[in-house]
N, C-alpha and C. Protein backbone atom coordinates (compact mmCIF):
# COMPACT_ATOMS: atom_id res chain seq x y z
N MET A 1 97.69 94.69 82.29
CA MET A 1 97.50 96.05 81.88
C MET A 1 98.59 96.63 80.93
N VAL A 2 98.06 97.46 80.00
CA VAL A 2 99.30 97.79 78.61
C VAL A 2 100.22 98.71 79.08
N PHE A 3 99.66 99.92 80.08
CA PHE A 3 100.56 100.80 80.16
C PHE A 3 101.41 100.55 81.71
N HIS A 4 102.48 100.71 81.59
CA HIS A 4 103.42 100.50 82.76
C HIS A 4 103.50 101.73 83.69
N THR A 5 103.68 101.53 85.22
CA THR A 5 103.39 102.22 85.94
C THR A 5 104.87 102.35 86.43
N GLY A 6 105.14 103.63 86.16
CA GLY A 6 106.52 104.29 86.68
C GLY A 6 106.65 104.54 88.11
N ALA A 7 107.86 105.14 88.59
CA ALA A 7 108.42 104.72 89.82
C ALA A 7 107.63 106.06 90.55
N ALA A 8 107.31 107.18 89.79
CA ALA A 8 106.56 108.50 90.41
C ALA A 8 105.22 108.15 90.58
N LEU A 9 104.65 107.55 89.64
CA LEU A 9 103.49 107.22 89.47
C LEU A 9 103.04 106.47 90.71
N LEU A 10 103.83 105.43 90.92
CA LEU A 10 103.66 104.55 91.94
C LEU A 10 103.92 105.32 93.23
N ASP A 11 104.81 106.02 93.52
CA ASP A 11 105.04 106.92 94.72
C ASP A 11 103.71 107.46 95.21
N ALA A 12 103.01 108.33 93.87
CA ALA A 12 101.75 109.26 94.35
C ALA A 12 100.67 108.34 94.74
N ILE A 13 100.65 106.95 94.02
CA ILE A 13 99.12 106.43 94.42
C ILE A 13 99.62 105.63 95.90
N VAL A 14 100.77 105.28 96.31
CA VAL A 14 100.99 104.82 97.88
C VAL A 14 101.03 106.36 98.64
N LEU A 15 101.35 107.21 98.55
CA LEU A 15 101.04 108.36 99.09
C LEU A 15 99.43 108.90 99.32
N ALA A 16 98.82 108.68 98.26
CA ALA A 16 97.25 108.87 98.25
C ALA A 16 96.82 108.04 98.98
N VAL A 17 96.95 106.55 98.95
CA VAL A 17 96.36 105.52 100.11
C VAL A 17 96.84 105.96 101.40
N ALA A 18 97.88 106.04 101.73
CA ALA A 18 98.19 106.63 102.95
C ALA A 18 97.99 107.97 103.32
N ALA A 19 97.39 108.86 102.66
CA ALA A 19 96.75 110.00 103.21
C ALA A 19 95.23 109.85 103.50
N LYS A 20 94.58 108.84 103.07
CA LYS A 20 93.31 108.74 103.19
C LYS A 20 92.79 108.35 104.79
N GLU A 21 94.04 107.85 105.67
CA GLU A 21 93.75 107.56 106.73
C GLU A 21 94.65 108.74 107.66
N LYS A 22 93.87 109.40 108.38
CA LYS A 22 94.77 110.26 109.06
C LYS A 22 95.91 109.75 110.20
N ASP A 23 95.49 108.54 110.90
CA ASP A 23 96.29 108.06 111.64
C ASP A 23 97.20 106.93 111.15
N GLY A 24 97.30 106.79 109.75
CA GLY A 24 98.02 106.04 108.96
C GLY A 24 97.24 104.50 108.80
N THR A 25 98.06 103.58 108.03
CA THR A 25 97.14 102.59 107.31
C THR A 25 98.42 101.43 107.31
N TYR A 26 98.05 100.52 107.60
CA TYR A 26 99.22 99.36 107.49
C TYR A 26 99.56 98.76 106.11
N GLY A 27 100.68 98.02 106.04
CA GLY A 27 101.29 97.79 104.71
C GLY A 27 100.60 97.01 103.82
N TYR A 28 99.70 95.59 104.64
CA TYR A 28 99.16 94.95 103.61
C TYR A 28 97.83 95.57 103.07
N LYS A 29 97.05 96.34 104.15
CA LYS A 29 96.10 97.26 103.41
C LYS A 29 96.47 98.07 102.28
N ILE A 30 97.70 99.08 102.16
CA ILE A 30 98.03 99.68 101.21
C ILE A 30 98.09 98.63 100.28
N THR A 31 98.66 97.47 100.45
CA THR A 31 98.84 96.78 99.04
C THR A 31 97.58 96.56 98.60
N GLN A 32 96.67 95.96 99.24
CA GLN A 32 95.41 95.56 98.64
C GLN A 32 94.83 96.70 97.95
N ASP A 33 94.67 98.04 98.69
CA ASP A 33 94.39 99.36 97.94
C ASP A 33 95.02 99.96 96.71
N VAL A 34 96.43 99.42 96.41
CA VAL A 34 96.82 100.00 95.62
C VAL A 34 96.51 98.83 94.41
N ARG A 35 96.39 97.57 94.84
CA ARG A 35 95.90 96.33 93.93
C ARG A 35 94.65 96.49 93.06
N ARG A 36 94.07 97.35 93.72
CA ARG A 36 92.61 97.67 93.13
C ARG A 36 92.53 98.62 91.97
N VAL A 37 93.70 99.15 91.69
CA VAL A 37 93.87 100.32 90.53
C VAL A 37 94.78 99.64 89.66
N ILE A 38 95.96 98.99 90.03
CA ILE A 38 96.91 98.52 89.43
C ILE A 38 97.59 97.16 89.76
N GLU A 39 97.93 96.54 88.70
CA GLU A 39 98.74 95.21 89.11
C GLU A 39 100.07 95.64 89.67
N VAL A 40 100.33 95.23 90.98
CA VAL A 40 101.58 95.22 91.83
C VAL A 40 101.74 94.15 92.79
N SER A 41 102.87 93.87 92.73
CA SER A 41 103.21 92.46 93.99
C SER A 41 103.83 93.33 95.08
N GLU A 42 103.68 92.79 96.26
CA GLU A 42 104.25 93.17 97.53
C GLU A 42 105.64 93.46 97.50
N SER A 43 106.25 92.44 96.78
CA SER A 43 107.82 92.60 96.45
C SER A 43 108.28 94.18 95.71
N THR A 44 107.21 94.74 95.07
CA THR A 44 107.44 96.01 94.63
C THR A 44 107.07 97.16 95.60
N LEU A 45 106.00 96.90 96.13
CA LEU A 45 105.39 98.12 97.12
C LEU A 45 106.13 98.05 98.48
N TYR A 46 106.80 97.24 98.95
CA TYR A 46 107.28 97.50 100.11
C TYR A 46 108.72 98.24 100.26
N PRO A 47 109.24 98.06 98.89
CA PRO A 47 110.49 98.84 99.00
C PRO A 47 110.17 100.59 98.52
N VAL A 48 108.88 100.43 98.08
CA VAL A 48 108.52 102.10 97.62
C VAL A 48 108.15 102.36 99.24
N LEU A 49 107.68 101.70 99.83
CA LEU A 49 107.42 102.30 101.43
C LEU A 49 108.47 102.72 102.08
N ARG A 50 109.49 101.78 102.02
CA ARG A 50 110.98 101.93 102.98
C ARG A 50 111.25 103.42 102.04
N ARG A 51 111.48 103.42 100.85
CA ARG A 51 112.13 104.56 100.28
C ARG A 51 111.46 106.04 100.76
N LEU A 52 109.81 105.87 100.73
CA LEU A 52 108.94 107.27 101.04
C LEU A 52 109.49 107.29 102.38
N GLN A 53 109.56 106.50 103.35
CA GLN A 53 109.97 106.70 104.83
C GLN A 53 111.40 107.21 104.66
N LYS A 54 112.22 106.53 104.18
CA LYS A 54 113.71 107.36 104.19
C LYS A 54 113.36 108.72 103.69
N ASP A 55 112.98 109.04 102.67
CA ASP A 55 112.92 110.39 102.25
C ASP A 55 111.97 111.52 102.98
N GLY A 56 111.60 110.80 104.10
CA GLY A 56 110.24 111.82 105.15
C GLY A 56 109.07 112.02 104.54
N CYS A 57 108.84 111.17 103.57
CA CYS A 57 107.41 111.34 103.11
C CYS A 57 106.32 110.39 103.90
N LEU A 58 107.00 109.49 104.44
CA LEU A 58 106.02 108.56 105.32
C LEU A 58 106.66 108.40 106.92
N GLU A 59 105.89 108.17 107.85
CA GLU A 59 106.33 108.00 108.99
C GLU A 59 105.88 106.59 109.40
N VAL A 60 106.86 105.88 110.09
CA VAL A 60 106.24 104.50 110.35
C VAL A 60 106.12 104.01 112.11
N TYR A 61 105.11 103.56 112.37
CA TYR A 61 105.35 103.03 113.85
C TYR A 61 104.53 101.69 114.12
N ASP A 62 104.61 101.03 114.97
CA ASP A 62 104.05 99.61 115.17
C ASP A 62 102.89 99.63 116.33
N ARG A 63 102.06 98.77 115.90
CA ARG A 63 100.77 99.03 116.83
C ARG A 63 100.36 97.36 117.14
N GLN A 64 99.83 96.88 118.20
CA GLN A 64 99.51 95.70 118.43
C GLN A 64 98.26 95.40 117.76
N TYR A 65 98.21 94.02 117.05
CA TYR A 65 96.89 93.59 116.49
C TYR A 65 96.96 92.08 116.66
N ASP A 66 95.84 91.59 117.18
CA ASP A 66 95.90 90.30 117.91
C ASP A 66 97.01 89.65 118.00
N GLY A 67 97.59 90.15 119.01
CA GLY A 67 99.11 89.67 119.59
C GLY A 67 100.16 89.93 118.91
N ARG A 68 100.06 90.56 117.57
CA ARG A 68 101.32 90.77 116.68
C ARG A 68 101.31 92.32 116.53
N ASN A 69 102.64 92.54 116.12
CA ASN A 69 102.77 94.16 115.69
C ASN A 69 102.22 94.13 114.28
N ARG A 70 101.78 95.23 114.09
CA ARG A 70 101.34 95.72 112.76
C ARG A 70 102.32 97.09 112.35
N ARG A 71 102.82 97.04 111.36
CA ARG A 71 103.48 98.32 110.95
C ARG A 71 102.37 99.07 110.09
N TYR A 72 102.51 100.44 110.57
CA TYR A 72 101.55 101.21 110.24
C TYR A 72 102.44 102.53 109.55
N TYR A 73 102.07 103.10 108.58
CA TYR A 73 102.72 104.02 107.56
C TYR A 73 101.61 105.54 107.66
N ARG A 74 102.16 106.54 108.08
CA ARG A 74 101.34 107.69 108.10
C ARG A 74 101.81 108.79 107.37
N ILE A 75 101.48 109.69 106.51
CA ILE A 75 101.82 110.45 105.47
C ILE A 75 102.27 111.67 106.50
N THR A 76 103.64 112.45 105.96
CA THR A 76 104.01 113.50 106.82
C THR A 76 103.65 114.89 105.96
N GLY A 77 104.19 115.84 106.75
CA GLY A 77 104.09 117.09 105.91
C GLY A 77 104.57 117.15 104.59
N LYS A 78 105.82 116.73 104.52
CA LYS A 78 106.50 116.55 103.38
C LYS A 78 105.93 115.74 102.32
N GLY A 79 105.23 114.49 102.86
CA GLY A 79 104.76 113.55 102.07
C GLY A 79 103.37 114.29 101.38
N ILE A 80 102.54 115.00 102.27
CA ILE A 80 101.42 115.84 101.57
C ILE A 80 101.78 116.87 100.68
N ARG A 81 102.98 117.76 100.91
CA ARG A 81 103.65 118.35 99.78
C ARG A 81 103.84 118.14 98.35
N LEU A 82 104.48 116.76 98.39
CA LEU A 82 104.82 116.08 97.27
C LEU A 82 103.51 115.36 96.66
N LEU A 83 102.48 114.85 97.43
CA LEU A 83 101.49 114.34 96.83
C LEU A 83 100.76 115.34 96.13
N GLU A 84 100.74 116.62 96.63
CA GLU A 84 99.95 117.41 95.86
C GLU A 84 100.75 117.96 94.38
N GLU A 85 102.03 118.12 94.47
CA GLU A 85 102.81 118.38 93.40
C GLU A 85 102.37 117.11 92.43
N TYR A 86 102.27 115.77 92.86
CA TYR A 86 102.19 114.67 92.04
C TYR A 86 100.54 114.92 91.28
N GLN A 87 99.82 115.20 92.30
CA GLN A 87 98.47 115.59 92.12
C GLN A 87 98.15 116.34 90.67
N ALA A 88 98.93 117.65 91.04
CA ALA A 88 98.78 118.92 89.87
C ALA A 88 99.47 118.18 88.53
N GLU A 89 100.80 117.71 88.70
CA GLU A 89 101.40 116.97 87.48
C GLU A 89 100.44 115.93 86.86
N TRP A 90 99.50 115.16 87.49
CA TRP A 90 98.79 114.32 86.84
C TRP A 90 97.70 114.52 86.31
N GLU A 91 97.08 115.90 86.96
CA GLU A 91 95.79 116.45 86.38
C GLU A 91 96.22 117.01 85.08
N ASN A 92 97.62 117.83 84.88
CA ASN A 92 98.11 118.19 83.76
C ASN A 92 98.06 117.30 82.67
N TYR A 93 98.98 116.03 83.17
CA TYR A 93 99.17 114.87 82.18
C TYR A 93 97.87 114.59 81.78
N ARG A 94 96.96 113.98 82.54
CA ARG A 94 95.45 113.62 82.18
C ARG A 94 94.75 114.59 81.15
N ASP A 95 95.08 115.80 81.23
CA ASP A 95 94.09 116.72 80.53
C ASP A 95 94.98 116.67 79.20
N ARG A 96 96.19 116.63 78.96
CA ARG A 96 96.74 116.47 77.77
C ARG A 96 96.52 115.29 77.06
N ILE A 97 96.43 114.28 77.77
CA ILE A 97 96.24 113.12 77.04
C ILE A 97 94.91 113.00 76.54
N ASP A 98 93.99 113.56 77.39
CA ASP A 98 92.64 113.69 76.96
C ASP A 98 92.12 114.44 75.88
N LEU A 99 93.01 115.38 75.48
CA LEU A 99 92.90 116.05 74.36
C LEU A 99 93.13 115.50 73.29
N ILE A 100 94.33 114.74 73.41
CA ILE A 100 95.01 113.63 72.24
C ILE A 100 93.65 112.62 71.84
N PHE A 101 93.53 112.05 72.57
CA PHE A 101 92.55 110.91 72.70
C PHE A 101 90.96 111.78 72.06
N GLY A 102 90.78 112.74 72.34
CA GLY A 102 89.53 113.73 71.74
C GLY A 102 89.83 113.69 70.44
N GLU A 103 90.68 114.40 70.12
CA GLU A 103 91.05 114.80 68.37
C GLU A 103 91.19 113.47 67.76
N LYS A 104 91.51 112.59 68.41
CA LYS A 104 91.91 111.07 67.43
C LYS A 104 90.41 110.78 67.33
N ALA A 105 89.76 110.67 68.30
CA ALA A 105 88.19 110.14 67.99
C ALA A 105 87.31 111.07 67.47
N GLY A 106 87.76 112.44 67.28
CA GLY A 106 87.01 113.29 66.28
C GLY A 106 86.14 113.81 67.12
N LEU A 107 86.38 114.21 68.39
CA LEU A 107 85.45 114.46 69.54
C LEU A 107 85.62 116.05 69.74
């Protein structure tokens, strides 16, 4: 991918993925969902998950799955508010870029 993903955009994407499941989702699934839209390694995502947890945007709990503990991440009220801010900022940014691309293409 030509465009680099900044920390704020990566946070927004992770929060959006976590917000899709009311009861939360586990780390590996978050990684796979994020990888469908951007190229990112697990070694990049897990520190993001830990930071969002530390900041109070995600809460973490473990659940048994096939005899092992699986760590789940659930978005908090603070995380939802931050995600809403990110979404509004993204829409504004996207609209401005679309204007420039449209002008350049003569649309």
